[in-house]
N, C-alpha and C. Protein backbone atom coordinates (compact mmCIF):
# COMPACT_ATOMS: atom_id res chain seq x y z
N MET A 1 109.31 101.50 151.64
CA MET A 1 110.15 101.07 150.34
C MET A 1 109.07 101.28 149.01
N ASN A 2 109.67 101.75 148.17
CA ASN A 2 108.82 102.02 147.33
C ASN A 2 108.56 101.08 146.39
N ALA A 3 107.18 100.42 145.85
CA ALA A 3 106.95 99.85 144.93
C ALA A 3 106.41 100.10 143.32
N HIS A 4 107.06 99.71 142.54
CA HIS A 4 106.65 100.22 141.48
C HIS A 4 105.27 98.93 140.55
N PHE A 5 104.58 98.93 140.07
CA PHE A 5 103.84 97.87 138.98
C PHE A 5 103.23 98.89 137.94
N LEU A 6 103.84 98.16 137.25
CA LEU A 6 103.29 98.85 135.62
C LEU A 6 102.57 97.36 135.00
N SER A 7 101.87 98.15 133.78
CA SER A 7 101.20 97.11 132.69
C SER A 7 101.82 97.74 131.57
N LYS A 8 101.44 96.89 130.21
CA LYS A 8 102.29 97.14 128.92
C LYS A 8 101.33 97.94 128.28
N THR A 9 101.98 98.67 127.42
CA THR A 9 101.55 99.84 126.45
C THR A 9 100.41 99.39 125.51
N GLU A 10 99.33 99.68 126.00
CA GLU A 10 98.17 99.14 124.74
C GLU A 10 97.68 100.30 123.91
N ILE A 11 97.26 99.97 122.39
CA ILE A 11 97.01 100.90 121.09
C ILE A 11 95.30 100.89 121.58
N VAL A 12 94.54 101.78 121.85
CA VAL A 12 93.54 101.88 122.15
C VAL A 12 92.80 102.65 120.59
N LEU A 13 91.73 102.33 120.13
CA LEU A 13 91.32 102.47 118.53
C LEU A 13 89.70 102.83 119.02
N ASP A 14 89.07 103.39 118.34
CA ASP A 14 87.82 103.54 118.18
C ASP A 14 86.67 102.36 118.28
N ALA A 15 87.35 101.28 117.86
CA ALA A 15 86.41 99.71 118.46
C ALA A 15 86.84 99.28 119.58
N THR A 16 88.35 99.99 120.35
CA THR A 16 88.64 99.24 121.22
C THR A 16 87.36 98.84 122.47
N ASP A 17 87.03 97.82 123.33
CA ASP A 17 86.30 97.90 124.45
C ASP A 17 87.21 98.21 125.55
N VAL A 18 86.95 99.77 125.82
CA VAL A 18 88.01 100.17 126.92
C VAL A 18 87.43 100.16 128.32
N GLY A 19 86.72 99.03 128.53
CA GLY A 19 85.89 98.26 129.95
C GLY A 19 86.95 97.17 130.25
N GLN A 20 86.60 96.56 129.22
CA GLN A 20 87.62 95.33 128.66
C GLN A 20 89.18 95.68 129.44
N LEU A 21 89.46 96.61 128.46
CA LEU A 21 90.99 96.91 128.35
C LEU A 21 91.40 97.36 130.31
N TYR A 22 90.46 98.50 130.60
CA TYR A 22 90.97 98.46 132.06
C TYR A 22 90.83 97.51 132.55
N GLN A 23 90.12 96.17 132.46
CA GLN A 23 89.88 95.32 133.45
C GLN A 23 91.30 94.62 133.24
N ASN A 24 91.66 94.24 131.93
CA ASN A 24 92.85 93.73 131.64
C ASN A 24 93.87 94.55 132.65
N VAL A 25 94.25 95.51 132.41
CA VAL A 25 95.22 96.27 132.81
C VAL A 25 95.09 96.50 134.21
N SER A 26 94.22 96.09 135.01
CA SER A 26 94.07 96.21 136.13
C SER A 26 94.22 95.00 137.00
N ASP A 27 94.10 94.16 136.12
CA ASP A 27 94.51 92.47 136.56
C ASP A 27 96.02 92.38 136.66
N LYS A 28 96.68 93.18 135.63
CA LYS A 28 97.87 92.83 135.71
C LYS A 28 98.97 93.48 136.65
N VAL A 29 98.12 94.78 137.16
CA VAL A 29 99.07 95.43 138.32
C VAL A 29 98.47 94.76 139.26
N MET A 30 97.61 94.20 139.86
CA MET A 30 97.24 93.57 141.04
C MET A 30 97.78 92.29 140.87
N GLU A 31 98.10 91.48 139.78
CA GLU A 31 99.12 90.24 139.50
C GLU A 31 100.48 90.52 140.27
N SER A 32 100.70 91.80 139.46
CA SER A 32 102.13 91.95 140.09
C SER A 32 102.19 92.32 141.23
N MET A 33 101.51 92.67 141.82
CA MET A 33 101.06 93.54 143.48
C MET A 33 101.03 91.93 144.09
N ALA A 34 100.40 91.07 143.92
CA ALA A 34 100.34 89.78 144.53
C ALA A 34 101.65 88.87 144.61
N LYS A 35 102.55 88.85 143.32
CA LYS A 35 103.80 88.34 143.17
C LYS A 35 104.63 89.05 144.25
N PHE A 36 104.54 90.23 144.38
CA PHE A 36 105.91 91.18 145.22
C PHE A 36 105.42 90.28 146.87
N GLU A 37 104.12 90.43 146.79
CA GLU A 37 103.72 90.24 148.24
C GLU A 37 104.19 88.83 148.56
N MET A 38 104.57 87.77 147.88
CA MET A 38 104.40 86.40 147.59
C MET A 38 105.86 86.21 148.02
N GLN A 39 106.76 87.25 147.60
CA GLN A 39 108.37 87.18 147.23
C GLN A 39 108.79 87.17 148.62
N GLY A 40 107.99 87.14 149.85
CA GLY A 40 108.57 87.34 151.22
C GLY A 40 109.25 88.53 151.36
N SER A 41 108.27 90.12 150.90
CA SER A 41 108.94 91.48 151.01
C SER A 41 108.43 91.97 152.47
N ASN A 42 107.49 91.08 152.81
CA ASN A 42 106.62 91.60 154.18
C ASN A 42 106.05 93.04 153.82
N TRP A 43 105.48 93.44 152.72
CA TRP A 43 104.86 94.59 152.04
C TRP A 43 103.58 94.21 152.09
N ARG A 44 102.79 95.24 152.63
CA ARG A 44 100.94 94.88 152.14
C ARG A 44 100.79 96.31 151.61
N PHE A 45 99.67 95.97 150.71
CA PHE A 45 99.18 97.03 150.06
C PHE A 45 98.29 98.05 150.85
N LYS A 46 98.60 99.21 151.01
CA LYS A 46 97.50 99.88 151.75
C LYS A 46 97.06 101.11 151.07
N ARG A 47 97.59 101.66 150.12
CA ARG A 47 97.22 102.64 148.88
C ARG A 47 97.67 103.29 147.81
N VAL A 48 97.49 103.43 146.86
CA VAL A 48 97.79 103.80 145.58
C VAL A 48 98.03 105.22 145.89
N VAL A 49 99.33 105.60 145.62
CA VAL A 49 100.06 107.01 145.94
C VAL A 49 100.29 107.62 144.73
N LYS A 50 100.37 107.17 143.90
CA LYS A 50 100.56 107.83 142.19
C LYS A 50 99.94 107.00 141.30
N LEU A 51 99.29 107.25 140.01
CA LEU A 51 98.94 106.66 139.25
C LEU A 51 98.86 107.58 137.86
N ASP A 52 99.99 107.02 136.87
CA ASP A 52 100.43 107.86 135.86
C ASP A 52 99.88 106.95 134.80
N ILE A 53 99.15 108.00 133.92
CA ILE A 53 98.38 107.28 132.59
C ILE A 53 98.82 108.15 131.28
N ASN A 54 99.76 107.22 130.40
CA ASN A 54 100.51 108.18 129.43
C ASN A 54 99.79 108.10 128.49
N THR A 55 99.59 109.06 127.40
CA THR A 55 98.62 108.88 126.32
C THR A 55 99.55 109.27 124.97
N ALA A 56 99.28 108.78 124.16
CA ALA A 56 100.17 109.73 122.38
C ALA A 56 99.29 109.38 121.51
N VAL A 57 99.24 110.16 120.62
CA VAL A 57 98.35 110.43 119.14
C VAL A 57 98.98 109.08 118.39
N TYR A 58 98.24 108.02 118.34
CA TYR A 58 98.67 106.89 117.15
C TYR A 58 98.39 107.42 115.74
N LYS A 59 99.45 107.29 114.83
CA LYS A 59 99.40 107.65 113.64
C LYS A 59 100.55 106.59 112.92
N PRO A 60 99.23 105.24 112.66
CA PRO A 60 100.06 104.62 112.08
C PRO A 60 100.12 104.54 110.50
N LEU A 61 101.17 104.30 110.04
CA LEU A 61 102.15 104.66 108.83
C LEU A 61 101.04 104.15 107.37
N LYS A 62 100.68 104.77 106.50
CA LYS A 62 100.13 104.49 105.41
C LYS A 62 101.02 104.73 104.48
N GLY A 63 100.09 103.90 103.19
CA GLY A 63 101.26 103.08 101.87
C GLY A 63 100.29 104.04 101.22
N ASN A 64 100.56 105.43 101.14
CA ASN A 64 99.72 106.29 100.15
C ASN A 64 100.71 107.27 99.37
N SER A 65 102.30 107.28 99.58
CA SER A 65 103.01 108.11 98.79
C SER A 65 104.65 107.95 98.94
N TYR A 66 105.01 108.87 98.32
CA TYR A 66 106.41 108.38 98.51
C TYR A 66 107.04 108.78 99.77
N ILE A 67 108.34 107.55 100.34
CA ILE A 67 108.72 107.93 101.43
C ILE A 67 110.21 107.95 101.05
N PRO A 68 111.10 108.67 101.19
CA PRO A 68 112.50 108.62 101.43
C PRO A 68 113.39 107.68 102.15
N LEU A 69 113.87 106.63 101.36
CA LEU A 69 114.68 105.63 102.45
C LEU A 69 115.80 106.28 102.58
N PRO A 70 116.56 105.34 103.91
CA PRO A 70 117.73 106.08 104.22
C PRO A 70 118.85 105.86 103.19
N LYS A 71 119.84 106.18 102.93
CA LYS A 71 120.61 105.96 102.23
C LYS A 71 121.09 104.43 101.66
N LYS A 72 120.94 103.74 102.72
CA LYS A 72 122.07 102.66 102.86
C LYS A 72 121.06 101.75 102.15
N LEU A 73 119.80 101.83 102.88
CA LEU A 73 118.56 100.66 102.19
C LEU A 73 118.29 101.09 100.54
N ALA A 74 118.33 102.85 100.02
CA ALA A 74 117.93 103.06 98.87
C ALA A 74 119.09 102.45 97.73
N LYS A 75 120.42 101.95 98.18
CA LYS A 75 121.43 101.53 97.11
C LYS A 75 121.60 100.13 96.70
N THR A 76 120.77 99.51 97.79
CA THR A 76 120.20 97.98 97.50
C THR A 76 119.28 97.69 96.76
N GLU A 77 119.48 96.44 96.18
CA GLU A 77 118.39 96.53 95.17
C GLU A 77 117.44 95.44 95.73
N ALA A 78 117.27 95.41 96.97
CA ALA A 78 116.01 94.65 97.60
C ALA A 78 115.16 95.26 97.88
N ILE A 79 115.15 96.54 97.43
CA ILE A 79 113.65 97.25 97.75
C ILE A 79 113.33 98.31 96.53
N ILE A 80 112.36 98.36 96.29
CA ILE A 80 111.73 98.96 94.75
C ILE A 80 111.41 100.49 95.28
N ASN A 81 111.59 101.52 95.57
CA ASN A 81 110.88 102.57 95.92
C ASN A 81 110.73 103.53 94.58
N MET A 82 109.31 103.16 94.42
CA MET A 82 108.73 103.95 93.27
C MET A 82 108.60 105.48 93.66
N GLN A 83 109.30 106.52 93.37
CA GLN A 83 109.23 107.87 93.69
C GLN A 83 107.77 108.35 92.72
N ASN A 84 107.01 108.87 93.22
CA ASN A 84 105.67 109.44 92.55
C ASN A 84 105.38 110.84 93.31
N LYS A 85 104.35 111.42 92.48
CA LYS A 85 103.80 112.59 93.54
C LYS A 85 102.43 112.57 93.79
N ASP A 86 101.61 111.61 93.16
CA ASP A 86 100.05 111.41 93.62
C ASP A 86 100.12 110.19 94.73
N LYS A 87 98.88 109.86 94.91
CA LYS A 87 98.64 109.08 95.90
C LYS A 87 98.72 107.29 95.52
N HIS A 88 99.11 106.97 94.31
CA HIS A 88 98.60 105.84 93.58
C HIS A 88 100.17 104.72 93.66
N CYS A 89 100.58 104.90 95.03
CA CYS A 89 102.04 104.21 95.04
C CYS A 89 102.04 102.71 94.68
N PHE A 90 100.85 102.23 95.29
CA PHE A 90 100.41 100.65 94.92
C PHE A 90 99.87 100.41 93.90
N LYS A 91 99.74 101.71 92.90
CA LYS A 91 99.43 100.88 91.53
C LYS A 91 100.60 101.16 90.32
N TRP A 92 101.35 102.00 90.92
CA TRP A 92 103.04 102.27 90.32
C TRP A 92 103.52 100.77 90.34
């Protein structure tokens, strides 16, 4: 029987303590394995067959220029979307 143990997605920035992050993720996977064993599966951990680490470039949104809104939102009066050609959208 194959068992899959996952941890949640984490955002890693320059200031992130990677050692602590690794410890937290490892603890989560070990906890999931222990729960699985306790549910009467008669399954015992022998080895890691596969370990996937997925990465992606994190580009947070910045409020520095005009972004066109979807037509449905643009027609409401709830959002003011000032169109500008410079990087002073908060000023306008």
